[in-house]
PDB file of N, CA and C in Angstrom:
ATOM      1  N   MET A   1     106.623 103.702 101.346  1.00  0.00           N
ATOM      2  CA  MET A   1     108.070 103.421 101.640  1.00  0.00           C
ATOM      3  C   MET A   1     108.149 102.654 103.116  1.00  0.00           C
ATOM      4  N   ASP A   2     107.094 102.978 103.919  1.00  0.00           N
ATOM      5  CA  ASP A   2     107.187 102.326 105.228  1.00  0.00           C
ATOM      6  C   ASP A   2     107.045 100.865 105.022  1.00  0.00           C
ATOM      7  N   GLY A   3     106.289 100.533 104.066  1.00  0.00           N
ATOM      8  CA  GLY A   3     106.036  99.142 103.709  1.00  0.00           C
ATOM      9  C   GLY A   3     107.276  98.438 103.139  1.00  0.00           C
ATOM     10  N   VAL A   4     108.148  99.149 102.224  1.00  0.00           N
ATOM     11  CA  VAL A   4     109.175  98.777 101.754  1.00  0.00           C
ATOM     12  C   VAL A   4     110.290  98.448 102.751  1.00  0.00           C
ATOM     13  N   ALA A   5     110.465  99.559 103.624  1.00  0.00           N
ATOM     14  CA  ALA A   5     111.355  99.366 104.800  1.00  0.00           C
ATOM     15  C   ALA A   5     111.103  98.186 105.775  1.00  0.00           C
ATOM     16  N   ALA A   6     109.697  97.793 105.918  1.00  0.00           N
ATOM     17  CA  ALA A   6     109.557  96.809 106.948  1.00  0.00           C
ATOM     18  C   ALA A   6     109.718  95.429 106.377  1.00  0.00           C
ATOM     19  N   LEU A   7     109.496  95.260 104.975  1.00  0.00           N
ATOM     20  CA  LEU A   7     109.652  94.234 104.174  1.00  0.00           C
ATOM     21  C   LEU A   7     110.878  93.850 103.791  1.00  0.00           C
ATOM     22  N   THR A   8     111.951  94.816 103.860  1.00  0.00           N
ATOM     23  CA  THR A   8     113.257  94.561 103.221  1.00  0.00           C
ATOM     24  C   THR A   8     114.360  94.958 104.333  1.00  0.00           C
ATOM     25  N   GLY A   9     114.062  95.778 105.313  1.00  0.00           N
ATOM     26  CA  GLY A   9     115.148  95.957 106.267  1.00  0.00           C
ATOM     27  C   GLY A   9     115.994  96.938 105.750  1.00  0.00           C
ATOM     28  N   THR A  10     115.954  97.766 104.730  1.00  0.00           N
ATOM     29  CA  THR A  10     116.668  98.631 104.102  1.00  0.00           C
ATOM     30  C   THR A  10     116.788  99.859 104.849  1.00  0.00           C
ATOM     31  N   THR A  11     118.212 100.381 104.755  1.00  0.00           N
ATOM     32  CA  THR A  11     118.108 101.800 105.544  1.00  0.00           C
ATOM     33  C   THR A  11     117.739 103.059 104.512  1.00  0.00           C
ATOM     34  N   ASN A  12     117.548 102.625 103.168  1.00  0.00           N
ATOM     35  CA  ASN A  12     117.188 103.628 102.153  1.00  0.00           C
ATOM     36  C   ASN A  12     116.002 103.248 101.610  1.00  0.00           C
ATOM     37  N   PRO A  13     114.864 103.277 102.213  1.00  0.00           N
ATOM     38  CA  PRO A  13     113.419 102.928 101.568  1.00  0.00           C
ATOM     39  C   PRO A  13     113.068 103.761 100.549  1.00  0.00           C
ATOM     40  N   SER A  14     113.495 104.871 100.537  1.00  0.00           N
ATOM     41  CA  SER A  14     112.951 105.855  99.545  1.00  0.00           C
ATOM     42  C   SER A  14     113.646 105.529  98.025  1.00  0.00           C
ATOM     43  N   ARG A  15     114.816 105.108  98.171  1.00  0.00           N
ATOM     44  CA  ARG A  15     115.761 104.686  96.905  1.00  0.00           C
ATOM     45  C   ARG A  15     115.264 103.496  96.358  1.00  0.00           C
ATOM     46  N   LEU A  16     114.901 102.304  97.339  1.00  0.00           N
ATOM     47  CA  LEU A  16     114.645 101.186  96.918  1.00  0.00           C
ATOM     48  C   LEU A  16     113.185 101.271  96.429  1.00  0.00           C
ATOM     49  N   TRP A  17     112.293 101.931  96.947  1.00  0.00           N
ATOM     50  CA  TRP A  17     111.000 102.307  96.434  1.00  0.00           C
ATOM     51  C   TRP A  17     111.052 102.667  94.909  1.00  0.00           C
ATOM     52  N   SER A  18     111.710 103.767  94.754  1.00  0.00           N
ATOM     53  CA  SER A  18     112.043 104.446  93.587  1.00  0.00           C
ATOM     54  C   SER A  18     112.356 103.428  92.489  1.00  0.00           C
ATOM     55  N   ASP A  19     113.288 102.420  93.026  1.00  0.00           N
ATOM     56  CA  ASP A  19     113.779 101.312  91.906  1.00  0.00           C
ATOM     57  C   ASP A  19     112.787 100.405  91.717  1.00  0.00           C
ATOM     58  N   ILE A  20     111.861  99.983  92.739  1.00  0.00           N
ATOM     59  CA  ILE A  20     110.743  99.103  92.418  1.00  0.00           C
ATOM     60  C   ILE A  20     109.837  99.695  91.462  1.00  0.00           C
ATOM     61  N   LYS A  21     109.664 101.010  91.634  1.00  0.00           N
ATOM     62  CA  LYS A  21     108.388 101.596  90.666  1.00  0.00           C
ATOM     63  C   LYS A  21     109.067 101.537  89.259  1.00  0.00           C
ATOM     64  N   ARG A  22     110.383 101.946  89.030  1.00  0.00           N
ATOM     65  CA  ARG A  22     110.915 102.105  87.940  1.00  0.00           C
ATOM     66  C   ARG A  22     110.860 100.513  87.378  1.00  0.00           C
ATOM     67  N   ASN A  23     111.331  99.555  88.086  1.00  0.00           N
ATOM     68  CA  ASN A  23     111.263  98.134  87.514  1.00  0.00           C
ATOM     69  C   ASN A  23     110.022  97.600  87.237  1.00  0.00           C
ATOM     70  N   MET A  24     108.754  98.100  87.945  1.00  0.00           N
ATOM     71  CA  MET A  24     107.605  97.689  87.642  1.00  0.00           C
ATOM     72  C   MET A  24     107.248  98.042  86.087  1.00  0.00           C
ATOM     73  N   ILE A  25     107.606  99.204  85.646  1.00  0.00           N
ATOM     74  CA  ILE A  25     107.293  99.831  84.497  1.00  0.00           C
ATOM     75  C   ILE A  25     108.276  99.160  83.403  1.00  0.00           C
ATOM     76  N   ASP A  26     109.447  99.470  83.577  1.00  0.00           N
ATOM     77  CA  ASP A  26     110.509  98.892  82.470  1.00  0.00           C
ATOM     78  C   ASP A  26     110.788  97.615  82.350  1.00  0.00           C
ATOM     79  N   LYS A  27     110.770  96.890  83.340  1.00  0.00           N
ATOM     80  CA  LYS A  27     111.342  95.283  83.352  1.00  0.00           C
ATOM     81  C   LYS A  27     109.998  94.350  83.204  1.00  0.00           C
ATOM     82  N   GLU A  28     109.144  94.651  84.190  1.00  0.00           N
ATOM     83  CA  GLU A  28     108.092  93.821  84.498  1.00  0.00           C
ATOM     84  C   GLU A  28     106.736  94.202  83.652  1.00  0.00           C
ATOM     85  N   GLY A  29     106.739  95.455  83.004  1.00  0.00           N
ATOM     86  CA  GLY A  29     105.621  95.601  82.131  1.00  0.00           C
ATOM     87  C   GLY A  29     104.423  95.922  83.026  1.00  0.00           C
ATOM     88  N   PHE A  30     104.439  96.691  84.262  1.00  0.00           N
ATOM     89  CA  PHE A  30     103.245  96.745  85.067  1.00  0.00           C
ATOM     90  C   PHE A  30     102.929  98.341  84.947  1.00  0.00           C
ATOM     91  N   SER A  31     102.686  98.746  84.058  1.00  0.00           N
ATOM     92  CA  SER A  31     102.640 100.351  83.834  1.00  0.00           C
ATOM     93  C   SER A  31     101.249 100.614  84.321  1.00  0.00           C
ATOM     94  N   GLU A  32     100.088  99.580  84.067  1.00  0.00           N
ATOM     95  CA  GLU A  32      98.911  99.754  84.710  1.00  0.00           C
ATOM     96  C   GLU A  32      98.827  99.716  86.138  1.00  0.00           C
ATOM     97  N   LEU A  33      99.622  99.115  86.663  1.00  0.00           N
ATOM     98  CA  LEU A  33      99.615  98.881  88.108  1.00  0.00           C
ATOM     99  C   LEU A  33     100.209 100.115  88.746  1.00  0.00           C
ATOM    100  N   TYR A  34     101.100 100.646  88.087  1.00  0.00           N
ATOM    101  CA  TYR A  34     101.759 102.050  88.441  1.00  0.00           C
ATOM    102  C   TYR A  34     100.715 103.202  88.351  1.00  0.00           C
ATOM    103  N   ASP A  35      99.959 102.954  87.552  1.00  0.00           N
ATOM    104  CA  ASP A  35      98.646 104.011  87.516  1.00  0.00           C
ATOM    105  C   ASP A  35      97.864 103.874  88.651  1.00  0.00           C
ATOM    106  N   GLU A  36      98.014 102.657  89.361  1.00  0.00           N
ATOM    107  CA  GLU A  36      97.053 102.560  90.533  1.00  0.00           C
ATOM    108  C   GLU A  36      97.582 103.232  91.781  1.00  0.00           C
ATOM    109  N   ILE A  37      98.863 103.714  91.913  1.00  0.00           N
ATOM    110  CA  ILE A  37      99.445 104.228  92.949  1.00  0.00           C
ATOM    111  C   ILE A  37      99.272 105.773  92.802  1.00  0.00           C
ATOM    112  N   VAL A  38      98.769 106.126  93.993  1.00  0.00           N
ATOM    113  CA  VAL A  38      98.329 107.715  94.015  1.00  0.00           C
ATOM    114  C   VAL A  38      99.122 108.407  95.227  1.00  0.00           C
ATOM    115  N   GLY A  39      99.189 109.547  94.974  1.00  0.00           N
ATOM    116  CA  GLY A  39      99.783 110.417  96.180  1.00  0.00           C
ATOM    117  C   GLY A  39      99.015 111.052  96.979  1.00  0.00           C
ATOM    118  N   LEU A  40      99.026 110.814  98.263  1.00  0.00           N
ATOM    119  CA  LEU A  40      98.003 111.378  99.048  1.00  0.00           C
ATOM    120  C   LEU A  40      98.690 112.220 100.261  1.00  0.00           C
ATOM    121  N   LYS A  41      98.291 113.229 100.592  1.00  0.00           N
ATOM    122  CA  LYS A  41      98.877 114.020 101.897  1.00  0.00           C
ATOM    123  C   LYS A  41      98.580 113.248 103.220  1.00  0.00           C
ATOM    124  N   MET A  42      99.667 112.777 103.914  1.00  0.00           N
ATOM    125  CA  MET A  42      99.692 112.074 104.917  1.00  0.00           C
ATOM    126  C   MET A  42     100.429 112.883 106.043  1.00  0.00           C
ATOM    127  N   LEU A  43     100.155 112.762 107.365  1.00  0.00           N
ATOM    128  CA  LEU A  43     100.848 113.284 108.568  1.00  0.00           C
ATOM    129  C   LEU A  43     102.148 112.463 108.635  1.00  0.00           C
ATOM    130  N   ALA A  44     103.312 113.200 108.388  1.00  0.00           N
ATOM    131  CA  ALA A  44     104.627 112.608 108.643  1.00  0.00           C
ATOM    132  C   ALA A  44     105.122 112.563 110.134  1.00  0.00           C
ATOM    133  N   GLY A  45     106.285 111.976 110.252  1.00  0.00           N
ATOM    134  CA  GLY A  45     106.618 111.905 111.883  1.00  0.00           C
ATOM    135  C   GLY A  45     107.098 113.255 112.376  1.00  0.00           C
ATOM    136  N   ASP A  46     107.372 114.303 111.398  1.00  0.00           N
ATOM    137  CA  ASP A  46     107.693 115.625 111.756  1.00  0.00           C
ATOM    138  C   ASP A  46     106.491 116.467 111.944  1.00  0.00           C
ATOM    139  N   GLY A  47     105.335 115.967 111.761  1.00  0.00           N
ATOM    140  CA  GLY A  47     104.288 116.695 112.084  1.00  0.00           C
ATOM    141  C   GLY A  47     103.553 117.546 110.877  1.00  0.00           C
ATOM    142  N   LYS A  48     104.258 117.242 109.526  1.00  0.00           N
ATOM    143  CA  LYS A  48     103.857 118.115 108.677  1.00  0.00           C
ATOM    144  C   LYS A  48     103.053 117.141 107.557  1.00  0.00           C
ATOM    145  N   LEU A  49     102.225 117.705 106.798  1.00  0.00           N
ATOM    146  CA  LEU A  49     101.543 116.879 105.847  1.00  0.00           C
ATOM    147  C   LEU A  49     102.641 116.696 104.666  1.00  0.00           C
ATOM    148  N   ARG A  50     102.696 115.456 104.434  1.00  0.00           N
ATOM    149  CA  ARG A  50     103.734 115.087 103.057  1.00  0.00           C
ATOM    150  C   ARG A  50     103.078 114.019 101.998  1.00  0.00           C
ATOM    151  N   ILE A  51     103.105 114.447 100.894  1.00  0.00           N
ATOM    152  CA  ILE A  51     102.730 113.534  99.846  1.00  0.00           C
ATOM    153  C   ILE A  51     103.289 112.093  99.780  1.00  0.00           C
ATOM    154  N   THR A  52     102.487 111.081 100.141  1.00  0.00           N
ATOM    155  CA  THR A  52     102.841 109.696 100.292  1.00  0.00           C
ATOM    156  C   THR A  52     102.361 108.949  99.172  1.00  0.00           C
ATOM    157  N   ASP A  53     102.940 108.017  98.681  1.00  0.00           N
ATOM    158  CA  ASP A  53     102.296 107.050  97.814  1.00  0.00           C
ATOM    159  C   ASP A  53     101.470 106.225  98.467  1.00  0.00           C
ATOM    160  N   ALA A  54     100.483 105.671  97.920  1.00  0.00           N
ATOM    161  CA  ALA A  54      99.272 105.021  98.502  1.00  0.00           C
ATOM    162  C   ALA A  54      98.602 104.057  97.361  1.00  0.00           C
ATOM    163  N   ALA A  55      98.170 102.808  97.947  1.00  0.00           N
ATOM    164  CA  ALA A  55      97.521 102.153  97.046  1.00  0.00           C
ATOM    165  C   ALA A  55      96.404 101.050  97.666  1.00  0.00           C
ATOM    166  N   ASN A  56      95.712 100.722  96.883  1.00  0.00           N
ATOM    167  CA  ASN A  56      94.553  99.783  97.503  1.00  0.00           C
ATOM    168  C   ASN A  56      95.145  98.235  97.754  1.00  0.00           C
ATOM    169  N   PRO A  57      94.571  97.513  98.570  1.00  0.00           N
ATOM    170  CA  PRO A  57      95.140  96.143  98.837  1.00  0.00           C
ATOM    171  C   PRO A  57      95.553  95.319  97.747  1.00  0.00           C
ATOM    172  N   GLU A  58      94.649  95.209  96.740  1.00  0.00           N
ATOM    173  CA  GLU A  58      95.019  94.394  95.391  1.00  0.00           C
ATOM    174  C   GLU A  58      96.459  94.973  94.835  1.00  0.00           C
ATOM    175  N   THR A  59      96.504  96.358  94.747  1.00  0.00           N
ATOM    176  CA  THR A  59      97.860  96.689  94.164  1.00  0.00           C
ATOM    177  C   THR A  59      98.918  96.556  95.149  1.00  0.00           C
ATOM    178  N   LEU A  60      98.721  96.651  96.472  1.00  0.00           N
ATOM    179  CA  LEU A  60      99.831  96.487  97.405  1.00  0.00           C
ATOM    180  C   LEU A  60     100.160  95.012  97.264  1.00  0.00           C
ATOM    181  N   PHE A  61      99.450  94.131  97.210  1.00  0.00           N
ATOM    182  CA  PHE A  61      99.824  92.812  97.165  1.00  0.00           C
ATOM    183  C   PHE A  61     100.537  92.593  95.864  1.00  0.00           C
ATOM    184  N   ARG A  62     100.403  93.053  94.883  1.00  0.00           N
ATOM    185  CA  ARG A  62     101.039  92.988  93.491  1.00  0.00           C
ATOM    186  C   ARG A  62     102.574  93.627  93.725  1.00  0.00           C
ATOM    187  N   ILE A  63     102.619  94.466  94.363  1.00  0.00           N
ATOM    188  CA  ILE A  63     103.746  95.473  94.616  1.00  0.00           C
ATOM    189  C   ILE A  63     104.872  94.517  95.464  1.00  0.00           C
ATOM    190  N   ILE A  64     104.034  93.951  96.544  1.00  0.00           N
ATOM    191  CA  ILE A  64     104.961  92.941  97.414  1.00  0.00           C
ATOM    192  C   ILE A  64     105.375  91.958  96.578  1.00  0.00           C
ATOM    193  N   GLN A  65     104.682  91.400  95.656  1.00  0.00           N
ATOM    194  CA  GLN A  65     105.308  90.420  94.785  1.00  0.00           C
ATOM    195  C   GLN A  65     106.590  90.682  94.037  1.00  0.00           C
ATOM    196  N   SER A  66     106.829  91.972  93.746  1.00  0.00           N
ATOM    197  CA  SER A  66     107.882  92.588  93.148  1.00  0.00           C
ATOM    198  C   SER A  66     109.131  92.864  94.064  1.00  0.00           C
ATOM    199  N   ILE A  67     108.932  92.435  95.386  1.00  0.00           N
ATOM    200  CA  ILE A  67     109.891  92.842  96.333  1.00  0.00           C
ATOM    201  C   ILE A  67     110.678  91.612  96.463  1.00  0.00           C
ATOM    202  N   ARG A  68     111.904  91.526  96.418  1.00  0.00           N
ATOM    203  CA  ARG A  68     112.779  90.468  96.445  1.00  0.00           C
ATOM    204  C   ARG A  68     113.490  90.493  97.974  1.00  0.00           C
ATOM    205  N   SER A  69     112.912  89.894  98.714  1.00  0.00           N
ATOM    206  CA  SER A  69     113.367  89.819 100.272  1.00  0.00           C
ATOM    207  C   SER A  69     112.772  88.579 101.111  1.00  0.00           C
ATOM    208  N   PRO A  70     113.481  87.843 101.959  1.00  0.00           N
ATOM    209  CA  PRO A  70     112.904  86.949 102.818  1.00  0.00           C
ATOM    210  C   PRO A  70     111.787  87.416 103.480  1.00  0.00           C
ATOM    211  N   ARG A  71     111.705  88.492 104.132  1.00  0.00           N
ATOM    212  CA  ARG A  71     110.677  89.177 104.890  1.00  0.00           C
ATOM    213  C   ARG A  71     109.386  89.400 103.930  1.00  0.00           C
ATOM    214  N   ALA A  72     109.512  89.406 102.710  1.00  0.00           N
ATOM    215  CA  ALA A  72     108.265  89.576 102.083  1.00  0.00           C
ATOM    216  C   ALA A  72     107.677  88.365 101.630  1.00  0.00           C
ATOM    217  N   GLU A  73     108.494  87.157 101.734  1.00  0.00           N
ATOM    218  CA  GLU A  73     107.847  85.948 101.408  1.00  0.00           C
ATOM    219  C   GLU A  73     106.589  85.469 101.983  1.00  0.00           C
ATOM    220  N   PRO A  74     106.372  85.650 103.293  1.00  0.00           N
ATOM    221  CA  PRO A  74     105.077  85.201 103.916  1.00  0.00           C
ATOM    222  C   PRO A  74     103.989  85.885 103.377  1.00  0.00           C
ATOM    223  N   PHE A  75     104.057  87.092 102.846  1.00  0.00           N
ATOM    224  CA  PHE A  75     102.826  87.956 102.405  1.00  0.00           C
ATOM    225  C   PHE A  75     102.624  87.329 100.898  1.00  0.00           C
ATOM    226  N   LYS A  76     103.784  86.808 100.323  1.00  0.00           N
ATOM    227  CA  LYS A  76     103.405  86.455  98.755  1.00  0.00           C
ATOM    228  C   LYS A  76     102.811  85.171  98.789  1.00  0.00           C
ATOM    229  N   ARG A  77     102.875  84.376  99.887  1.00  0.00           N
ATOM    230  CA  ARG A  77     101.953  83.183 100.041  1.00  0.00           C
ATOM    231  C   ARG A  77     100.493  83.575 100.546  1.00  0.00           C
TER     232      ARG A  77
END
């Protein structure tokens, strides 16, 4: 979600991330890509370990291509 927030400037990155994941499967047909996203426990800002979506660089670049935002354009190139 941090990446989604940085690339879009949204105030609700968790909602947008949820929509992006749903669109990857429903509209774009990337169910195999969705399988590459894993939940890892990472330290959150409040000091607690929280399950966070993570992916390898190849999967991240494919996700970035699904983000419609001017901030994401430089990464798409």
